[in-house]
mmCIF file of all heavy atoms, coordinates in Angstrom:
data_MODEL
# 
_entry.id   MODEL 
# 
loop_
_atom_site.group_PDB 
_atom_site.id 
_atom_site.type_symbol 
_atom_site.label_atom_id 
_atom_site.label_alt_id 
_atom_site.label_comp_id 
_atom_site.label_asym_id 
_atom_site.label_entity_id 
_atom_site.label_seq_id 
_atom_site.pdbx_PDB_ins_code 
_atom_site.Cartn_x 
_atom_site.Cartn_y 
_atom_site.Cartn_z 
_atom_site.occupancy 
_atom_site.B_iso_or_equiv 
_atom_site.pdbx_formal_charge 
_atom_site.auth_seq_id 
_atom_site.auth_comp_id 
_atom_site.auth_asym_id 
_atom_site.auth_atom_id 
_atom_site.pdbx_PDB_model_num 
ATOM 1   N N   . LEU A 1 1  ? 4.502  55.884 -52.571 1.00 0.00 ? 1  LEU A N   1 
ATOM 2   C CA  . LEU A 1 1  ? 3.502  55.562 -53.585 1.00 0.00 ? 1  LEU A CA  1 
ATOM 3   C C   . LEU A 1 1  ? 2.359  54.726 -53.026 1.00 0.00 ? 1  LEU A C   1 
ATOM 4   O O   . LEU A 1 1  ? 1.188  54.965 -53.345 1.00 0.00 ? 1  LEU A O   1 
ATOM 5   C CB  . LEU A 1 1  ? 4.151  54.804 -54.753 1.00 0.00 ? 1  LEU A CB  1 
ATOM 6   C CG  . LEU A 1 1  ? 5.236  55.525 -55.560 1.00 0.00 ? 1  LEU A CG  1 
ATOM 7   C CD1 . LEU A 1 1  ? 5.724  54.618 -56.678 1.00 0.00 ? 1  LEU A CD1 1 
ATOM 8   C CD2 . LEU A 1 1  ? 4.734  56.847 -56.109 1.00 0.00 ? 1  LEU A CD2 1 
ATOM 9   N N   . PHE A 1 2  ? 2.696  53.741 -52.208 1.00 0.00 ? 2  PHE A N   1 
ATOM 10  C CA  . PHE A 1 2  ? 1.696  52.768 -51.761 1.00 0.00 ? 2  PHE A CA  1 
ATOM 11  C C   . PHE A 1 2  ? 1.306  52.913 -50.290 1.00 0.00 ? 2  PHE A C   1 
ATOM 12  O O   . PHE A 1 2  ? 0.309  52.334 -49.861 1.00 0.00 ? 2  PHE A O   1 
ATOM 13  C CB  . PHE A 1 2  ? 2.215  51.347 -52.019 1.00 0.00 ? 2  PHE A CB  1 
ATOM 14  C CG  . PHE A 1 2  ? 2.551  51.082 -53.459 1.00 0.00 ? 2  PHE A CG  1 
ATOM 15  C CD1 . PHE A 1 2  ? 3.867  50.958 -53.874 1.00 0.00 ? 2  PHE A CD1 1 
ATOM 16  C CD2 . PHE A 1 2  ? 1.555  50.981 -54.417 1.00 0.00 ? 2  PHE A CD2 1 
ATOM 17  C CE1 . PHE A 1 2  ? 4.185  50.724 -55.200 1.00 0.00 ? 2  PHE A CE1 1 
ATOM 18  C CE2 . PHE A 1 2  ? 1.861  50.747 -55.750 1.00 0.00 ? 2  PHE A CE2 1 
ATOM 19  C CZ  . PHE A 1 2  ? 3.180  50.618 -56.148 1.00 0.00 ? 2  PHE A CZ  1 
ATOM 20  N N   . HIS A 1 3  ? 2.089  53.685 -49.533 1.00 0.00 ? 3  HIS A N   1 
ATOM 21  C CA  . HIS A 1 3  ? 1.791  53.868 -48.104 1.00 0.00 ? 3  HIS A CA  1 
ATOM 22  C C   . HIS A 1 3  ? 2.010  55.321 -47.710 1.00 0.00 ? 3  HIS A C   1 
ATOM 23  O O   . HIS A 1 3  ? 2.513  55.621 -46.629 1.00 0.00 ? 3  HIS A O   1 
ATOM 24  C CB  . HIS A 1 3  ? 2.670  52.936 -47.264 1.00 0.00 ? 3  HIS A CB  1 
ATOM 25  C CG  . HIS A 1 3  ? 2.514  51.487 -47.617 1.00 0.00 ? 3  HIS A CG  1 
ATOM 26  N ND1 . HIS A 1 3  ? 1.476  50.703 -47.171 1.00 0.00 ? 3  HIS A ND1 1 
ATOM 27  C CD2 . HIS A 1 3  ? 3.260  50.689 -48.443 1.00 0.00 ? 3  HIS A CD2 1 
ATOM 28  C CE1 . HIS A 1 3  ? 1.585  49.483 -47.672 1.00 0.00 ? 3  HIS A CE1 1 
ATOM 29  N NE2 . HIS A 1 3  ? 2.660  49.450 -48.452 1.00 0.00 ? 3  HIS A NE2 1 
ATOM 30  N N   . GLY A 1 4  ? 1.603  56.222 -48.618 1.00 0.00 ? 4  GLY A N   1 
ATOM 31  C CA  . GLY A 1 4  ? 1.778  57.641 -48.366 1.00 0.00 ? 4  GLY A CA  1 
ATOM 32  C C   . GLY A 1 4  ? 0.933  58.179 -47.231 1.00 0.00 ? 4  GLY A C   1 
ATOM 33  O O   . GLY A 1 4  ? 1.173  59.296 -46.759 1.00 0.00 ? 4  GLY A O   1 
ATOM 34  N N   . ASP A 1 5  ? -0.030 57.406 -46.772 1.00 0.00 ? 5  ASP A N   1 
ATOM 35  C CA  . ASP A 1 5  ? -0.800 57.813 -45.600 1.00 0.00 ? 5  ASP A CA  1 
ATOM 36  C C   . ASP A 1 5  ? -0.002 57.621 -44.318 1.00 0.00 ? 5  ASP A C   1 
ATOM 37  O O   . ASP A 1 5  ? -0.352 58.198 -43.276 1.00 0.00 ? 5  ASP A O   1 
ATOM 38  C CB  . ASP A 1 5  ? -2.103 57.021 -45.517 1.00 0.00 ? 5  ASP A CB  1 
ATOM 39  C CG  . ASP A 1 5  ? -1.879 55.512 -45.516 1.00 0.00 ? 5  ASP A CG  1 
ATOM 40  O OD1 . ASP A 1 5  ? -0.810 55.066 -45.994 1.00 0.00 ? 5  ASP A OD1 1 
ATOM 41  O OD2 . ASP A 1 5  ? -2.767 54.778 -45.048 1.00 0.00 ? 5  ASP A OD2 1 
ATOM 42  N N   . PHE A 1 6  ? 1.076  56.844 -44.368 1.00 0.00 ? 6  PHE A N   1 
ATOM 43  C CA  . PHE A 1 6  ? 1.890  56.583 -43.173 1.00 0.00 ? 6  PHE A CA  1 
ATOM 44  C C   . PHE A 1 6  ? 3.237  57.291 -43.263 1.00 0.00 ? 6  PHE A C   1 
ATOM 45  O O   . PHE A 1 6  ? 3.653  57.974 -42.331 1.00 0.00 ? 6  PHE A O   1 
ATOM 46  C CB  . PHE A 1 6  ? 2.092  55.072 -43.003 1.00 0.00 ? 6  PHE A CB  1 
ATOM 47  C CG  . PHE A 1 6  ? 2.844  54.715 -41.749 1.00 0.00 ? 6  PHE A CG  1 
ATOM 48  C CD1 . PHE A 1 6  ? 2.188  54.665 -40.530 1.00 0.00 ? 6  PHE A CD1 1 
ATOM 49  C CD2 . PHE A 1 6  ? 4.203  54.442 -41.792 1.00 0.00 ? 6  PHE A CD2 1 
ATOM 50  C CE1 . PHE A 1 6  ? 2.878  54.344 -39.356 1.00 0.00 ? 6  PHE A CE1 1 
ATOM 51  C CE2 . PHE A 1 6  ? 4.903  54.126 -40.633 1.00 0.00 ? 6  PHE A CE2 1 
ATOM 52  C CZ  . PHE A 1 6  ? 4.235  54.078 -39.418 1.00 0.00 ? 6  PHE A CZ  1 
ATOM 53  N N   . TYR A 1 7  ? 3.954  57.108 -44.372 1.00 0.00 ? 7  TYR A N   1 
ATOM 54  C CA  . TYR A 1 7  ? 5.266  57.728 -44.548 1.00 0.00 ? 7  TYR A CA  1 
ATOM 55  C C   . TYR A 1 7  ? 5.084  59.124 -45.147 1.00 0.00 ? 7  TYR A C   1 
ATOM 56  O O   . TYR A 1 7  ? 4.404  59.290 -46.171 1.00 0.00 ? 7  TYR A O   1 
ATOM 57  C CB  . TYR A 1 7  ? 6.146  56.878 -45.455 1.00 0.00 ? 7  TYR A CB  1 
ATOM 58  C CG  . TYR A 1 7  ? 6.523  55.546 -44.847 1.00 0.00 ? 7  TYR A CG  1 
ATOM 59  C CD1 . TYR A 1 7  ? 5.805  54.391 -45.148 1.00 0.00 ? 7  TYR A CD1 1 
ATOM 60  C CD2 . TYR A 1 7  ? 7.604  55.436 -43.972 1.00 0.00 ? 7  TYR A CD2 1 
ATOM 61  C CE1 . TYR A 1 7  ? 6.161  53.162 -44.597 1.00 0.00 ? 7  TYR A CE1 1 
ATOM 62  C CE2 . TYR A 1 7  ? 7.960  54.214 -43.424 1.00 0.00 ? 7  TYR A CE2 1 
ATOM 63  C CZ  . TYR A 1 7  ? 7.236  53.079 -43.732 1.00 0.00 ? 7  TYR A CZ  1 
ATOM 64  O OH  . TYR A 1 7  ? 7.583  51.871 -43.188 1.00 0.00 ? 7  TYR A OH  1 
ATOM 65  N N   . LYS A 1 8  ? 5.700  60.126 -44.532 1.00 0.00 ? 8  LYS A N   1 
ATOM 66  C CA  . LYS A 1 8  ? 5.485  61.516 -44.926 1.00 0.00 ? 8  LYS A CA  1 
ATOM 67  C C   . LYS A 1 8  ? 6.590  62.073 -45.816 1.00 0.00 ? 8  LYS A C   1 
ATOM 68  O O   . LYS A 1 8  ? 6.364  63.060 -46.517 1.00 0.00 ? 8  LYS A O   1 
ATOM 69  C CB  . LYS A 1 8  ? 5.363  62.394 -43.667 1.00 0.00 ? 8  LYS A CB  1 
ATOM 70  C CG  . LYS A 1 8  ? 4.317  61.911 -42.665 1.00 0.00 ? 8  LYS A CG  1 
ATOM 71  C CD  . LYS A 1 8  ? 2.949  61.724 -43.305 1.00 0.00 ? 8  LYS A CD  1 
ATOM 72  C CE  . LYS A 1 8  ? 1.913  61.277 -42.278 1.00 0.00 ? 8  LYS A CE  1 
ATOM 73  N NZ  . LYS A 1 8  ? 0.612  60.930 -42.896 1.00 0.00 ? 8  LYS A NZ  1 
ATOM 74  N N   . ALA A 1 9  ? 7.784  61.505 -45.757 1.00 0.00 ? 9  ALA A N   1 
ATOM 75  C CA  . ALA A 1 9  ? 8.906  62.033 -46.531 1.00 0.00 ? 9  ALA A CA  1 
ATOM 76  C C   . ALA A 1 9  ? 9.916  60.919 -46.776 1.00 0.00 ? 9  ALA A C   1 
ATOM 77  O O   . ALA A 1 9  ? 10.080 60.030 -45.928 1.00 0.00 ? 9  ALA A O   1 
ATOM 78  C CB  . ALA A 1 9  ? 9.573  63.194 -45.799 1.00 0.00 ? 9  ALA A CB  1 
ATOM 79  N N   . GLY A 1 10 ? 10.608 60.969 -47.921 1.00 0.00 ? 10 GLY A N   1 
ATOM 80  C CA  . GLY A 1 10 ? 11.581 59.930 -48.229 1.00 0.00 ? 10 GLY A CA  1 
ATOM 81  C C   . GLY A 1 10 ? 12.731 60.441 -49.070 1.00 0.00 ? 10 GLY A C   1 
ATOM 82  O O   . GLY A 1 10 ? 12.540 61.278 -49.957 1.00 0.00 ? 10 GLY A O   1 
ATOM 83  N N   . VAL A 1 11 ? 13.935 59.922 -48.798 1.00 0.00 ? 11 VAL A N   1 
ATOM 84  C CA  . VAL A 1 11 ? 15.114 60.183 -49.614 1.00 0.00 ? 11 VAL A CA  1 
ATOM 85  C C   . VAL A 1 11 ? 15.478 58.864 -50.297 1.00 0.00 ? 11 VAL A C   1 
ATOM 86  O O   . VAL A 1 11 ? 15.860 57.891 -49.629 1.00 0.00 ? 11 VAL A O   1 
ATOM 87  C CB  . VAL A 1 11 ? 16.298 60.701 -48.788 1.00 0.00 ? 11 VAL A CB  1 
ATOM 88  C CG1 . VAL A 1 11 ? 17.514 60.916 -49.683 1.00 0.00 ? 11 VAL A CG1 1 
ATOM 89  C CG2 . VAL A 1 11 ? 15.928 62.003 -48.081 1.00 0.00 ? 11 VAL A CG2 1 
ATOM 90  N N   . ALA A 1 12 ? 15.342 58.834 -51.620 1.00 0.00 ? 12 ALA A N   1 
ATOM 91  C CA  . ALA A 1 12 ? 15.581 57.630 -52.412 1.00 0.00 ? 12 ALA A CA  1 
ATOM 92  C C   . ALA A 1 12 ? 16.856 57.828 -53.220 1.00 0.00 ? 12 ALA A C   1 
ATOM 93  O O   . ALA A 1 12 ? 16.926 58.715 -54.070 1.00 0.00 ? 12 ALA A O   1 
ATOM 94  C CB  . ALA A 1 12 ? 14.395 57.354 -53.327 1.00 0.00 ? 12 ALA A CB  1 
ATOM 95  N N   . MET A 1 13 ? 17.869 57.001 -52.955 1.00 0.00 ? 13 MET A N   1 
ATOM 96  C CA  . MET A 1 13 ? 19.160 57.130 -53.608 1.00 0.00 ? 13 MET A CA  1 
ATOM 97  C C   . MET A 1 13 ? 19.411 55.965 -54.556 1.00 0.00 ? 13 MET A C   1 
ATOM 98  O O   . MET A 1 13 ? 19.261 54.800 -54.163 1.00 0.00 ? 13 MET A O   1 
ATOM 99  C CB  . MET A 1 13 ? 20.275 57.190 -52.559 1.00 0.00 ? 13 MET A CB  1 
ATOM 100 C CG  . MET A 1 13 ? 20.179 58.391 -51.641 1.00 0.00 ? 13 MET A CG  1 
ATOM 101 S SD  . MET A 1 13 ? 21.495 58.461 -50.386 1.00 0.00 ? 13 MET A SD  1 
ATOM 102 C CE  . MET A 1 13 ? 20.883 57.249 -49.204 1.00 0.00 ? 13 MET A CE  1 
ATOM 103 N N   . ALA A 1 14 ? 19.771 56.292 -55.803 1.00 0.00 ? 14 ALA A N   1 
ATOM 104 C CA  . ALA A 1 14 ? 20.231 55.296 -56.782 1.00 0.00 ? 14 ALA A CA  1 
ATOM 105 C C   . ALA A 1 14 ? 19.264 54.126 -56.906 1.00 0.00 ? 14 ALA A C   1 
ATOM 106 O O   . ALA A 1 14 ? 19.674 52.976 -56.997 1.00 0.00 ? 14 ALA A O   1 
ATOM 107 C CB  . ALA A 1 14 ? 21.622 54.787 -56.401 1.00 0.00 ? 14 ALA A CB  1 
ATOM 108 N N   . GLY A 1 15 ? 17.978 54.411 -56.923 1.00 0.00 ? 15 GLY A N   1 
ATOM 109 C CA  . GLY A 1 15 ? 16.988 53.342 -56.892 1.00 0.00 ? 15 GLY A CA  1 
ATOM 110 C C   . GLY A 1 15 ? 16.771 52.661 -58.224 1.00 0.00 ? 15 GLY A C   1 
ATOM 111 O O   . GLY A 1 15 ? 16.878 53.267 -59.291 1.00 0.00 ? 15 GLY A O   1 
ATOM 112 N N   . CYS A 1 16 ? 16.418 51.377 -58.156 1.00 0.00 ? 16 CYS A N   1 
ATOM 113 C CA  . CYS A 1 16 ? 15.991 50.611 -59.338 1.00 0.00 ? 16 CYS A CA  1 
ATOM 114 C C   . CYS A 1 16 ? 14.466 50.698 -59.386 1.00 0.00 ? 16 CYS A C   1 
ATOM 115 O O   . CYS A 1 16 ? 13.770 49.740 -59.075 1.00 0.00 ? 16 CYS A O   1 
ATOM 116 C CB  . CYS A 1 16 ? 16.481 49.169 -59.267 1.00 0.00 ? 16 CYS A CB  1 
ATOM 117 S SG  . CYS A 1 16 ? 16.290 48.358 -57.657 1.00 0.00 ? 16 CYS A SG  1 
ATOM 118 N N   . TYR A 1 17 ? 13.950 51.851 -59.771 1.00 0.00 ? 17 TYR A N   1 
ATOM 119 C CA  . TYR A 1 17 ? 12.536 52.170 -59.590 1.00 0.00 ? 17 TYR A CA  1 
ATOM 120 C C   . TYR A 1 17 ? 11.613 51.425 -60.534 1.00 0.00 ? 17 TYR A C   1 
ATOM 121 O O   . TYR A 1 17 ? 10.425 51.319 -60.267 1.00 0.00 ? 17 TYR A O   1 
ATOM 122 C CB  . TYR A 1 17 ? 12.327 53.673 -59.749 1.00 0.00 ? 17 TYR A CB  1 
ATOM 123 C CG  . TYR A 1 17 ? 13.199 54.496 -58.837 1.00 0.00 ? 17 TYR A CG  1 
ATOM 124 C CD1 . TYR A 1 17 ? 14.211 55.299 -59.344 1.00 0.00 ? 17 TYR A CD1 1 
ATOM 125 C CD2 . TYR A 1 17 ? 13.036 54.446 -57.453 1.00 0.00 ? 17 TYR A CD2 1 
ATOM 126 C CE1 . TYR A 1 17 ? 15.015 56.043 -58.510 1.00 0.00 ? 17 TYR A CE1 1 
ATOM 127 C CE2 . TYR A 1 17 ? 13.842 55.183 -56.608 1.00 0.00 ? 17 TYR A CE2 1 
ATOM 128 C CZ  . TYR A 1 17 ? 14.837 55.984 -57.150 1.00 0.00 ? 17 TYR A CZ  1 
ATOM 129 O OH  . TYR A 1 17 ? 15.638 56.716 -56.311 1.00 0.00 ? 17 TYR A OH  1 
ATOM 130 N N   . ASP A 1 18 ? 12.140 50.966 -61.641 1.00 0.00 ? 18 ASP A N   1 
ATOM 131 C CA  . ASP A 1 18 ? 11.370 50.130 -62.564 1.00 0.00 ? 18 ASP A CA  1 
ATOM 132 C C   . ASP A 1 18 ? 12.241 48.938 -62.890 1.00 0.00 ? 18 ASP A C   1 
ATOM 133 O O   . ASP A 1 18 ? 13.287 49.075 -63.528 1.00 0.00 ? 18 ASP A O   1 
ATOM 134 C CB  . ASP A 1 18 ? 11.001 50.900 -63.829 1.00 0.00 ? 18 ASP A CB  1 
ATOM 135 C CG  . ASP A 1 18 ? 10.022 50.131 -64.706 1.00 0.00 ? 18 ASP A CG  1 
ATOM 136 O OD1 . ASP A 1 18 ? 10.286 48.942 -65.001 1.00 0.00 ? 18 ASP A OD1 1 
ATOM 137 O OD2 . ASP A 1 18 ? 8.995  50.713 -65.102 1.00 0.00 ? 18 ASP A OD2 1 
ATOM 138 N N   . ASN A 1 19 ? 11.822 47.763 -62.467 1.00 0.00 ? 19 ASN A N   1 
ATOM 139 C CA  . ASN A 1 19 ? 12.675 46.583 -62.559 1.00 0.00 ? 19 ASN A CA  1 
ATOM 140 C C   . ASN A 1 19 ? 12.945 46.149 -63.994 1.00 0.00 ? 19 ASN A C   1 
ATOM 141 O O   . ASN A 1 19 ? 13.867 45.377 -64.244 1.00 0.00 ? 19 ASN A O   1 
ATOM 142 C CB  . ASN A 1 19 ? 12.074 45.443 -61.744 1.00 0.00 ? 19 ASN A CB  1 
ATOM 143 C CG  . ASN A 1 19 ? 11.889 45.828 -60.286 1.00 0.00 ? 19 ASN A CG  1 
ATOM 144 O OD1 . ASN A 1 19 ? 10.801 46.224 -59.881 1.00 0.00 ? 19 ASN A OD1 1 
ATOM 145 N ND2 . ASN A 1 19 ? 12.954 45.765 -59.510 1.00 0.00 ? 19 ASN A ND2 1 
ATOM 146 N N   . ARG A 1 20 ? 12.189 46.674 -64.936 1.00 0.00 ? 20 ARG A N   1 
ATOM 147 C CA  . ARG A 1 20 ? 12.462 46.396 -66.344 1.00 0.00 ? 20 ARG A CA  1 
ATOM 148 C C   . ARG A 1 20 ? 13.679 47.175 -66.834 1.00 0.00 ? 20 ARG A C   1 
ATOM 149 O O   . ARG A 1 20 ? 14.267 46.838 -67.859 1.00 0.00 ? 20 ARG A O   1 
ATOM 150 C CB  . ARG A 1 20 ? 11.232 46.747 -67.194 1.00 0.00 ? 20 ARG A CB  1 
ATOM 151 C CG  . ARG A 1 20 ? 10.032 45.875 -66.902 1.00 0.00 ? 20 ARG A CG  1 
ATOM 152 C CD  . ARG A 1 20 ? 8.753  46.452 -67.457 1.00 0.00 ? 20 ARG A CD  1 
ATOM 153 N NE  . ARG A 1 20 ? 8.356  47.690 -66.796 1.00 0.00 ? 20 ARG A NE  1 
ATOM 154 C CZ  . ARG A 1 20 ? 7.139  48.236 -66.877 1.00 0.00 ? 20 ARG A CZ  1 
ATOM 155 N NH1 . ARG A 1 20 ? 6.200  47.637 -67.596 1.00 0.00 ? 20 ARG A NH1 1 
ATOM 156 N NH2 . ARG A 1 20 ? 6.861  49.369 -66.251 1.00 0.00 ? 20 ARG A NH2 1 
ATOM 157 N N   . MET A 1 21 ? 14.051 48.217 -66.091 1.00 0.00 ? 21 MET A N   1 
ATOM 158 C CA  . MET A 1 21 ? 15.203 49.045 -66.454 1.00 0.00 ? 21 MET A CA  1 
ATOM 159 C C   . MET A 1 21 ? 16.487 48.566 -65.800 1.00 0.00 ? 21 MET A C   1 
ATOM 160 O O   . MET A 1 21 ? 17.576 49.018 -66.145 1.00 0.00 ? 21 MET A O   1 
ATOM 161 C CB  . MET A 1 21 ? 14.944 50.493 -66.029 1.00 0.00 ? 21 MET A CB  1 
ATOM 162 C CG  . MET A 1 21 ? 13.950 51.225 -66.887 1.00 0.00 ? 21 MET A CG  1 
ATOM 163 S SD  . MET A 1 21 ? 14.633 51.574 -68.519 1.00 0.00 ? 21 MET A SD  1 
ATOM 164 C CE  . MET A 1 21 ? 15.920 52.741 -68.073 1.00 0.00 ? 21 MET A CE  1 
ATOM 165 N N   . ASP A 1 22 ? 16.388 47.676 -64.841 1.00 0.00 ? 22 ASP A N   1 
ATOM 166 C CA  . ASP A 1 22 ? 17.527 47.282 -64.016 1.00 0.00 ? 22 ASP A CA  1 
ATOM 167 C C   . ASP A 1 22 ? 18.173 46.018 -64.579 1.00 0.00 ? 22 ASP A C   1 
ATOM 168 O O   . ASP A 1 22 ? 17.700 45.425 -65.544 1.00 0.00 ? 22 ASP A O   1 
ATOM 169 C CB  . ASP A 1 22 ? 17.045 47.079 -62.581 1.00 0.00 ? 22 ASP A CB  1 
ATOM 170 C CG  . ASP A 1 22 ? 18.166 46.988 -61.574 1.00 0.00 ? 22 ASP A CG  1 
ATOM 171 O OD1 . ASP A 1 22 ? 19.263 47.512 -61.854 1.00 0.00 ? 22 ASP A OD1 1 
ATOM 172 O OD2 . ASP A 1 22 ? 17.961 46.377 -60.509 1.00 0.00 ? 22 ASP A OD2 1 
ATOM 173 N N   . LYS A 1 23 ? 19.224 45.576 -63.928 1.00 0.00 ? 23 LYS A N   1 
ATOM 174 C CA  . LYS A 1 23 ? 20.016 44.434 -64.369 1.00 0.00 ? 23 LYS A CA  1 
ATOM 175 C C   . LYS A 1 23 ? 19.186 43.155 -64.425 1.00 0.00 ? 23 LYS A C   1 
ATOM 176 O O   . LYS A 1 23 ? 18.279 42.941 -63.613 1.00 0.00 ? 23 LYS A O   1 
ATOM 177 C CB  . LYS A 1 23 ? 21.227 44.259 -63.456 1.00 0.00 ? 23 LYS A CB  1 
ATOM 178 C CG  . LYS A 1 23 ? 20.856 43.875 -62.025 1.00 0.00 ? 23 LYS A CG  1 
ATOM 179 C CD  . LYS A 1 23 ? 22.009 44.037 -61.077 1.00 0.00 ? 23 LYS A CD  1 
ATOM 180 C CE  . LYS A 1 23 ? 22.265 45.479 -60.754 1.00 0.00 ? 23 LYS A CE  1 
ATOM 181 N NZ  . LYS A 1 23 ? 21.153 46.145 -60.027 1.00 0.00 ? 23 LYS A NZ  1 
ATOM 182 N N   . ILE A 1 24 ? 19.514 42.281 -65.366 1.00 0.00 ? 24 ILE A N   1 
ATOM 183 C CA  . ILE A 1 24 ? 18.741 41.063 -65.583 1.00 0.00 ? 24 ILE A CA  1 
ATOM 184 C C   . ILE A 1 24 ? 18.794 40.119 -64.388 1.00 0.00 ? 24 ILE A C   1 
ATOM 185 O O   . ILE A 1 24 ? 17.785 39.516 -64.010 1.00 0.00 ? 24 ILE A O   1 
ATOM 186 C CB  . ILE A 1 24 ? 19.219 40.353 -66.871 1.00 0.00 ? 24 ILE A CB  1 
ATOM 187 C CG1 . ILE A 1 24 ? 18.310 39.177 -67.222 1.00 0.00 ? 24 ILE A CG1 1 
ATOM 188 C CG2 . ILE A 1 24 ? 20.678 39.921 -66.762 1.00 0.00 ? 24 ILE A CG2 1 
ATOM 189 C CD1 . ILE A 1 24 ? 18.641 38.542 -68.574 1.00 0.00 ? 24 ILE A CD1 1 
# 
């Protein structure tokens, strides 16, 4: 999202992608 000019591919497993959705 923020460094797509450098990183070309990613495997994201079980991510807490929005911290409002994750544990307190």
